[in-house]
Amino acid sequence: MTVIQVISARYIDWAKLRALLQTEFAGQNYHIESKDDSYILTIPRRLTDVR
């Protein structure tokens, strides 16, 4: 199941977000789009504050 999650880009480092997604979703499809001070993530599952 694919999830679309929008997060504020205000306090998120782009390189660290990419590294996190590469680690969390290795071998899976995901997409990141930057728009209007937000990141729009199309990811296999929702990101949470806790792993």
C-alpha atoms as a PDB file:
ATOM      1  CA  MET A   1       0.000   0.000   0.000  1.00  0.00           C
ATOM      2  CA  THR A   2       1.441   3.366  -1.025  1.00  0.00           C
ATOM      3  CA  VAL A   3       1.047   6.353   1.291  1.00  0.00           C
ATOM      4  CA  ILE A   4       1.277  10.048   0.431  1.00  0.00           C
ATOM      5  CA  GLN A   5       2.658  12.046   3.347  1.00  0.00           C
ATOM      6  CA  VAL A   6       3.281  15.809   3.379  1.00  0.00           C
ATOM      7  CA  ILE A   7       5.822  17.195   5.824  1.00  0.00           C
ATOM      8  CA  SER A   8       7.065  20.732   6.380  1.00  0.00           C
ATOM      9  CA  ALA A   9      10.477  21.422   4.888  1.00  0.00           C
ATOM     10  CA  ARG A  10      11.123  24.094   7.497  1.00  0.00           C
ATOM     11  CA  TYR A  11      13.280  21.991   9.845  1.00  0.00           C
ATOM     12  CA  ILE A  12      14.086  19.049   7.563  1.00  0.00           C
ATOM     13  CA  ASP A  13      17.482  18.690   5.907  1.00  0.00           C
ATOM     14  CA  TRP A  14      16.967  17.431   2.331  1.00  0.00           C
ATOM     15  CA  ALA A  15      20.101  15.218   2.343  1.00  0.00           C
ATOM     16  CA  LYS A  16      19.192  13.637   5.687  1.00  0.00           C
ATOM     17  CA  LEU A  17      15.632  12.980   4.524  1.00  0.00           C
ATOM     18  CA  ARG A  18      16.919  11.260   1.377  1.00  0.00           C
ATOM     19  CA  ALA A  19      19.347   9.171   3.438  1.00  0.00           C
ATOM     20  CA  LEU A  20      16.557   8.154   5.830  1.00  0.00           C
ATOM     21  CA  LEU A  21      14.258   7.121   2.986  1.00  0.00           C
ATOM     22  CA  GLN A  22      17.044   5.167   1.288  1.00  0.00           C
ATOM     23  CA  THR A  23      17.670   3.302   4.548  1.00  0.00           C
ATOM     24  CA  GLU A  24      14.026   2.730   5.480  1.00  0.00           C
ATOM     25  CA  PHE A  25      12.807   1.787   2.003  1.00  0.00           C
ATOM     26  CA  ALA A  26      15.853   0.108   0.444  1.00  0.00           C
ATOM     27  CA  GLY A  27      14.764  -1.876  -2.589  1.00  0.00           C
ATOM     28  CA  GLN A  28      11.283  -0.312  -2.558  1.00  0.00           C
ATOM     29  CA  ASN A  29       9.815   2.459  -4.674  1.00  0.00           C
ATOM     30  CA  TYR A  30       9.441   5.928  -3.183  1.00  0.00           C
ATOM     31  CA  HIS A  31       9.285   9.484  -4.514  1.00  0.00           C
ATOM     32  CA  ILE A  32      10.082  12.890  -2.959  1.00  0.00           C
ATOM     33  CA  GLU A  33       8.758  16.169  -4.303  1.00  0.00           C
ATOM     34  CA  SER A  34       9.523  19.623  -2.923  1.00  0.00           C
ATOM     35  CA  LYS A  35       6.666  22.121  -3.219  1.00  0.00           C
ATOM     36  CA  ASP A  36       5.683  25.290  -1.336  1.00  0.00           C
ATOM     37  CA  ASP A  37       8.039  24.742   1.639  1.00  0.00           C
ATOM     38  CA  SER A  38       6.866  21.132   2.010  1.00  0.00           C
ATOM     39  CA  TYR A  39       8.070  17.713   1.010  1.00  0.00           C
ATOM     40  CA  ILE A  40       5.494  15.448  -0.558  1.00  0.00           C
ATOM     41  CA  LEU A  41       6.511  11.848  -0.010  1.00  0.00           C
ATOM     42  CA  THR A  42       5.034   8.892  -1.851  1.00  0.00           C
ATOM     43  CA  ILE A  43       6.259   6.019   0.298  1.00  0.00           C
ATOM     44  CA  PRO A  44       5.412   2.390   1.116  1.00  0.00           C
ATOM     45  CA  ARG A  45       4.339   3.231   4.694  1.00  0.00           C
ATOM     46  CA  ARG A  46       3.837   6.316   6.838  1.00  0.00           C
ATOM     47  CA  LEU A  47       6.860   7.789   8.612  1.00  0.00           C
ATOM     48  CA  THR A  48       6.528   8.278  12.347  1.00  0.00           C
ATOM     49  CA  ASP A  49       8.631   9.905  15.082  1.00  0.00           C
ATOM     50  CA  VAL A  50       9.475   6.444  16.441  1.00  0.00           C
ATOM     51  CA  ARG A  51      11.024   3.650  14.430  1.00  0.00           C
END
